[in-house]
PDB file of all heavy atoms in Angstrom:
ATOM      1  N   SER A   1      31.844   9.952  -4.459  1.00  0.00           N
ATOM      2  CA  SER A   1      32.446   8.636  -4.702  1.00  0.00           C
ATOM      3  C   SER A   1      33.495   8.705  -5.806  1.00  0.00           C
ATOM      4  O   SER A   1      33.504   7.890  -6.736  1.00  0.00           O
ATOM      5  CB  SER A   1      31.355   7.620  -5.063  1.00  0.00           C
ATOM      6  OG  SER A   1      30.399   7.510  -4.031  1.00  0.00           O
ATOM      7  N   LEU A   2      34.368   9.669  -5.696  1.00  0.00           N
ATOM      8  CA  LEU A   2      35.360   9.900  -6.740  1.00  0.00           C
ATOM      9  C   LEU A   2      36.320   8.723  -6.891  1.00  0.00           C
ATOM     10  O   LEU A   2      36.693   8.068  -5.917  1.00  0.00           O
ATOM     11  CB  LEU A   2      36.141  11.172  -6.438  1.00  0.00           C
ATOM     12  CG  LEU A   2      35.359  12.460  -6.709  1.00  0.00           C
ATOM     13  CD1 LEU A   2      36.024  13.644  -6.025  1.00  0.00           C
ATOM     14  CD2 LEU A   2      35.254  12.704  -8.214  1.00  0.00           C
ATOM     15  N   LYS A   3      36.697   8.496  -8.136  1.00  0.00           N
ATOM     16  CA  LYS A   3      37.604   7.416  -8.499  1.00  0.00           C
ATOM     17  C   LYS A   3      38.835   7.990  -9.183  1.00  0.00           C
ATOM     18  O   LYS A   3      38.774   9.068  -9.769  1.00  0.00           O
ATOM     19  CB  LYS A   3      36.906   6.440  -9.455  1.00  0.00           C
ATOM     20  CG  LYS A   3      35.596   5.874  -8.950  1.00  0.00           C
ATOM     21  CD  LYS A   3      34.924   5.047 -10.030  1.00  0.00           C
ATOM     22  CE  LYS A   3      33.602   4.493  -9.566  1.00  0.00           C
ATOM     23  NZ  LYS A   3      32.926   3.708 -10.639  1.00  0.00           N
ATOM     24  N   PRO A   4      39.952   7.274  -9.149  1.00  0.00           N
ATOM     25  CA  PRO A   4      41.156   7.771  -9.833  1.00  0.00           C
ATOM     26  C   PRO A   4      40.915   8.090 -11.306  1.00  0.00           C
ATOM     27  O   PRO A   4      41.508   9.036 -11.834  1.00  0.00           O
ATOM     28  CB  PRO A   4      42.147   6.619  -9.661  1.00  0.00           C
ATOM     29  CG  PRO A   4      41.748   5.998  -8.364  1.00  0.00           C
ATOM     30  CD  PRO A   4      40.234   6.057  -8.372  1.00  0.00           C
ATOM     31  N   GLU A   5      40.051   7.339 -11.966  1.00  0.00           N
ATOM     32  CA  GLU A   5      39.770   7.582 -13.367  1.00  0.00           C
ATOM     33  C   GLU A   5      38.977   8.864 -13.616  1.00  0.00           C
ATOM     34  O   GLU A   5      38.785   9.260 -14.770  1.00  0.00           O
ATOM     35  CB  GLU A   5      39.049   6.386 -14.010  1.00  0.00           C
ATOM     36  CG  GLU A   5      37.839   5.906 -13.235  1.00  0.00           C
ATOM     37  CD  GLU A   5      38.153   4.721 -12.335  1.00  0.00           C
ATOM     38  OE1 GLU A   5      39.192   4.751 -11.655  1.00  0.00           O
ATOM     39  OE2 GLU A   5      37.348   3.764 -12.314  1.00  0.00           O
ATOM     40  N   ASP A   6      38.514   9.514 -12.553  1.00  0.00           N
ATOM     41  CA  ASP A   6      37.848  10.806 -12.684  1.00  0.00           C
ATOM     42  C   ASP A   6      38.862  11.941 -12.831  1.00  0.00           C
ATOM     43  O   ASP A   6      38.473  13.082 -13.098  1.00  0.00           O
ATOM     44  CB  ASP A   6      36.967  11.091 -11.467  1.00  0.00           C
ATOM     45  CG  ASP A   6      35.820  10.104 -11.330  1.00  0.00           C
ATOM     46  OD1 ASP A   6      35.273   9.664 -12.361  1.00  0.00           O
ATOM     47  OD2 ASP A   6      35.460   9.783 -10.175  1.00  0.00           O
ATOM     48  N   THR A   7      40.120  11.637 -12.638  1.00  0.00           N
ATOM     49  CA  THR A   7      41.174  12.642 -12.723  1.00  0.00           C
ATOM     50  C   THR A   7      41.208  13.309 -14.096  1.00  0.00           C
ATOM     51  O   THR A   7      41.106  12.642 -15.123  1.00  0.00           O
ATOM     52  CB  THR A   7      42.536  12.005 -12.434  1.00  0.00           C
ATOM     53  OG1 THR A   7      42.576  11.574 -11.068  1.00  0.00           O
ATOM     54  CG2 THR A   7      43.675  12.999 -12.651  1.00  0.00           C
ATOM     55  N   GLY A   8      41.355  14.622 -14.093  1.00  0.00           N
ATOM     56  CA  GLY A   8      41.442  15.347 -15.343  1.00  0.00           C
ATOM     57  C   GLY A   8      41.202  16.826 -15.145  1.00  0.00           C
ATOM     58  O   GLY A   8      40.944  17.292 -14.037  1.00  0.00           O
ATOM     59  N   LEU A   9      41.299  17.544 -16.233  1.00  0.00           N
ATOM     60  CA  LEU A   9      41.011  18.970 -16.226  1.00  0.00           C
ATOM     61  C   LEU A   9      39.539  19.129 -16.595  1.00  0.00           C
ATOM     62  O   LEU A   9      39.111  18.677 -17.661  1.00  0.00           O
ATOM     63  CB  LEU A   9      41.910  19.701 -17.228  1.00  0.00           C
ATOM     64  CG  LEU A   9      41.914  21.227 -17.186  1.00  0.00           C
ATOM     65  CD1 LEU A   9      42.431  21.714 -15.833  1.00  0.00           C
ATOM     66  CD2 LEU A   9      42.781  21.775 -18.306  1.00  0.00           C
ATOM     67  N   TYR A  10      38.780  19.750 -15.717  1.00  0.00           N
ATOM     68  CA  TYR A  10      37.345  19.903 -15.917  1.00  0.00           C
ATOM     69  C   TYR A  10      37.006  21.285 -16.457  1.00  0.00           C
ATOM     70  O   TYR A  10      37.384  22.304 -15.875  1.00  0.00           O
ATOM     71  CB  TYR A  10      36.603  19.658 -14.610  1.00  0.00           C
ATOM     72  CG  TYR A  10      36.475  18.196 -14.260  1.00  0.00           C
ATOM     73  CD1 TYR A  10      37.591  17.451 -13.886  1.00  0.00           C
ATOM     74  CD2 TYR A  10      35.238  17.548 -14.324  1.00  0.00           C
ATOM     75  CE1 TYR A  10      37.487  16.105 -13.591  1.00  0.00           C
ATOM     76  CE2 TYR A  10      35.126  16.203 -14.021  1.00  0.00           C
ATOM     77  CZ  TYR A  10      36.249  15.482 -13.659  1.00  0.00           C
ATOM     78  OH  TYR A  10      36.128  14.145 -13.359  1.00  0.00           O
ATOM     79  N   TYR A  11      36.292  21.292 -17.560  1.00  0.00           N
ATOM     80  CA  TYR A  11      35.910  22.528 -18.228  1.00  0.00           C
ATOM     81  C   TYR A  11      34.411  22.764 -18.151  1.00  0.00           C
ATOM     82  O   TYR A  11      33.615  21.833 -18.250  1.00  0.00           O
ATOM     83  CB  TYR A  11      36.287  22.486 -19.706  1.00  0.00           C
ATOM     84  CG  TYR A  11      37.764  22.411 -20.003  1.00  0.00           C
ATOM     85  CD1 TYR A  11      38.407  21.183 -20.129  1.00  0.00           C
ATOM     86  CD2 TYR A  11      38.509  23.571 -20.184  1.00  0.00           C
ATOM     87  CE1 TYR A  11      39.756  21.113 -20.422  1.00  0.00           C
ATOM     88  CE2 TYR A  11      39.859  23.506 -20.480  1.00  0.00           C
ATOM     89  CZ  TYR A  11      40.480  22.274 -20.597  1.00  0.00           C
ATOM     90  OH  TYR A  11      41.818  22.201 -20.893  1.00  0.00           O
ATOM     91  N   CYS A  12      34.059  24.003 -18.026  1.00  0.00           N
ATOM     92  CA  CYS A  12      32.683  24.450 -18.130  1.00  0.00           C
ATOM     93  C   CYS A  12      32.478  24.988 -19.542  1.00  0.00           C
ATOM     94  O   CYS A  12      33.371  25.631 -20.099  1.00  0.00           O
ATOM     95  CB  CYS A  12      32.425  25.544 -17.090  1.00  0.00           C
ATOM     96  SG  CYS A  12      30.846  26.398 -17.227  1.00  0.00           S
ATOM     97  N   ALA A  13      31.325  24.718 -20.125  1.00  0.00           N
ATOM     98  CA  ALA A  13      31.040  25.186 -21.469  1.00  0.00           C
ATOM     99  C   ALA A  13      29.614  25.705 -21.571  1.00  0.00           C
ATOM    100  O   ALA A  13      28.729  25.291 -20.824  1.00  0.00           O
ATOM    101  CB  ALA A  13      31.254  24.055 -22.480  1.00  0.00           C
ATOM    102  N   ALA A  14      29.405  26.610 -22.513  1.00  0.00           N
ATOM    103  CA  ALA A  14      28.082  27.191 -22.719  1.00  0.00           C
ATOM    104  C   ALA A  14      27.852  27.521 -24.184  1.00  0.00           C
ATOM    105  O   ALA A  14      28.805  27.595 -24.970  1.00  0.00           O
ATOM    106  CB  ALA A  14      27.908  28.447 -21.871  1.00  0.00           C
ATOM    107  N   PHE A  15      26.601  27.711 -24.523  1.00  0.00           N
ATOM    108  CA  PHE A  15      26.150  28.132 -25.845  1.00  0.00           C
ATOM    109  C   PHE A  15      26.333  27.066 -26.913  1.00  0.00           C
ATOM    110  O   PHE A  15      27.426  26.859 -27.443  1.00  0.00           O
ATOM    111  CB  PHE A  15      26.819  29.433 -26.268  1.00  0.00           C
ATOM    112  CG  PHE A  15      26.560  30.565 -25.323  1.00  0.00           C
ATOM    113  CD1 PHE A  15      27.579  31.095 -24.553  1.00  0.00           C
ATOM    114  CD2 PHE A  15      25.283  31.092 -25.197  1.00  0.00           C
ATOM    115  CE1 PHE A  15      27.339  32.134 -23.678  1.00  0.00           C
ATOM    116  CE2 PHE A  15      25.023  32.131 -24.318  1.00  0.00           C
ATOM    117  CZ  PHE A  15      26.054  32.656 -23.557  1.00  0.00           C
ATOM    118  N   LEU A  16      25.229  26.405 -27.222  1.00  0.00           N
ATOM    119  CA  LEU A  16      25.229  25.393 -28.261  1.00  0.00           C
ATOM    120  C   LEU A  16      25.460  26.015 -29.623  1.00  0.00           C
ATOM    121  O   LEU A  16      24.946  27.090 -29.928  1.00  0.00           O
ATOM    122  CB  LEU A  16      23.897  24.640 -28.275  1.00  0.00           C
ATOM    123  CG  LEU A  16      23.607  23.719 -27.087  1.00  0.00           C
ATOM    124  CD1 LEU A  16      22.162  23.241 -27.148  1.00  0.00           C
ATOM    125  CD2 LEU A  16      24.564  22.532 -27.089  1.00  0.00           C
ATOM    126  N   LYS A  17      26.211  25.317 -30.447  1.00  0.00           N
ATOM    127  CA  LYS A  17      26.420  25.769 -31.815  1.00  0.00           C
ATOM    128  C   LYS A  17      25.186  25.510 -32.665  1.00  0.00           C
ATOM    129  O   LYS A  17      24.930  26.234 -33.620  1.00  0.00           O
ATOM    130  CB  LYS A  17      27.628  25.055 -32.423  1.00  0.00           C
ATOM    131  CG  LYS A  17      28.950  25.423 -31.790  1.00  0.00           C
ATOM    132  CD  LYS A  17      30.091  24.680 -32.462  1.00  0.00           C
ATOM    133  CE  LYS A  17      31.424  25.067 -31.871  1.00  0.00           C
ATOM    134  NZ  LYS A  17      32.540  24.320 -32.515  1.00  0.00           N
ATOM    135  N   THR A  18      24.444  24.464 -32.310  1.00  0.00           N
ATOM    136  CA  THR A  18      23.236  24.103 -33.035  1.00  0.00           C
ATOM    137  C   THR A  18      22.040  24.153 -32.102  1.00  0.00           C
ATOM    138  O   THR A  18      22.003  23.441 -31.102  1.00  0.00           O
ATOM    139  CB  THR A  18      23.355  22.702 -33.642  1.00  0.00           C
ATOM    140  OG1 THR A  18      24.476  22.654 -34.520  1.00  0.00           O
ATOM    141  CG2 THR A  18      22.097  22.352 -34.430  1.00  0.00           C
ATOM    142  N   ARG A  19      21.077  24.978 -32.429  1.00  0.00           N
ATOM    143  CA  ARG A  19      19.888  25.134 -31.608  1.00  0.00           C
ATOM    144  C   ARG A  19      19.141  23.821 -31.480  1.00  0.00           C
ATOM    145  O   ARG A  19      18.936  23.109 -32.464  1.00  0.00           O
ATOM    146  CB  ARG A  19      18.975  26.200 -32.224  1.00  0.00           C
ATOM    147  CG  ARG A  19      17.756  26.552 -31.387  1.00  0.00           C
ATOM    148  CD  ARG A  19      16.845  27.501 -32.142  1.00  0.00           C
ATOM    149  NE  ARG A  19      17.533  28.723 -32.513  1.00  0.00           N
ATOM    150  CZ  ARG A  19      17.042  29.643 -33.333  1.00  0.00           C
ATOM    151  NH1 ARG A  19      15.843  29.466 -33.875  1.00  0.00           N
ATOM    152  NH2 ARG A  19      17.752  30.717 -33.621  1.00  0.00           N
ATOM    153  N   GLY A  20      18.760  23.486 -30.250  1.00  0.00           N
ATOM    154  CA  GLY A  20      17.987  22.289 -30.013  1.00  0.00           C
ATOM    155  C   GLY A  20      18.784  21.016 -29.847  1.00  0.00           C
ATOM    156  O   GLY A  20      18.212  19.959 -29.575  1.00  0.00           O
ATOM    157  N   SER A  21      20.086  21.093 -29.970  1.00  0.00           N
ATOM    158  CA  SER A  21      20.921  19.911 -29.824  1.00  0.00           C
ATOM    159  C   SER A  21      20.871  19.378 -28.394  1.00  0.00           C
ATOM    160  O   SER A  21      20.834  20.152 -27.433  1.00  0.00           O
ATOM    161  CB  SER A  21      22.366  20.225 -30.195  1.00  0.00           C
ATOM    162  OG  SER A  21      23.206  19.104 -29.945  1.00  0.00           O
ATOM    163  N   THR A  22      20.872  18.057 -28.262  1.00  0.00           N
ATOM    164  CA  THR A  22      20.912  17.421 -26.949  1.00  0.00           C
ATOM    165  C   THR A  22      22.096  16.469 -26.862  1.00  0.00           C
ATOM    166  O   THR A  22      22.098  15.533 -26.069  1.00  0.00           O
ATOM    167  CB  THR A  22      19.601  16.669 -26.655  1.00  0.00           C
ATOM    168  OG1 THR A  22      19.357  15.704 -27.683  1.00  0.00           O
ATOM    169  CG2 THR A  22      18.433  17.635 -26.566  1.00  0.00           C
ATOM    170  N   TYR A  23      23.083  16.719 -27.679  1.00  0.00           N
ATOM    171  CA  TYR A  23      24.273  15.893 -27.735  1.00  0.00           C
ATOM    172  C   TYR A  23      25.337  16.511 -26.832  1.00  0.00           C
ATOM    173  O   TYR A  23      25.873  17.578 -27.126  1.00  0.00           O
ATOM    174  CB  TYR A  23      24.754  15.806 -29.181  1.00  0.00           C
ATOM    175  CG  TYR A  23      25.906  14.869 -29.438  1.00  0.00           C
ATOM    176  CD1 TYR A  23      26.008  13.650 -28.784  1.00  0.00           C
ATOM    177  CD2 TYR A  23      26.885  15.204 -30.367  1.00  0.00           C
ATOM    178  CE1 TYR A  23      27.061  12.788 -29.031  1.00  0.00           C
ATOM    179  CE2 TYR A  23      27.942  14.349 -30.628  1.00  0.00           C
ATOM    180  CZ  TYR A  23      28.029  13.141 -29.964  1.00  0.00           C
ATOM    181  OH  TYR A  23      29.069  12.285 -30.221  1.00  0.00           O
ATOM    182  N   CYS A  24      25.640  15.849 -25.747  1.00  0.00           N
ATOM    183  CA  CYS A  24      26.596  16.364 -24.768  1.00  0.00           C
ATOM    184  C   CYS A  24      28.018  16.012 -25.201  1.00  0.00           C
ATOM    185  O   CYS A  24      28.625  15.066 -24.686  1.00  0.00           O
ATOM    186  CB  CYS A  24      26.284  15.800 -23.381  1.00  0.00           C
ATOM    187  SG  CYS A  24      27.206  16.564 -22.028  1.00  0.00           S
ATOM    188  N   ALA A  25      28.506  16.790 -26.139  1.00  0.00           N
ATOM    189  CA  ALA A  25      29.842  16.573 -26.678  1.00  0.00           C
ATOM    190  C   ALA A  25      30.521  17.916 -26.874  1.00  0.00           C
ATOM    191  O   ALA A  25      29.883  18.915 -27.195  1.00  0.00           O
ATOM    192  CB  ALA A  25      29.771  15.819 -27.997  1.00  0.00           C
TER     193      ALA A  25
END
């Protein structure tokens, strides 16, 4: 159900800088 506002460059990321963090930023 993609929307125009979904447009962008999508990045994959790995390895938290802080162990145990649950902040998706």
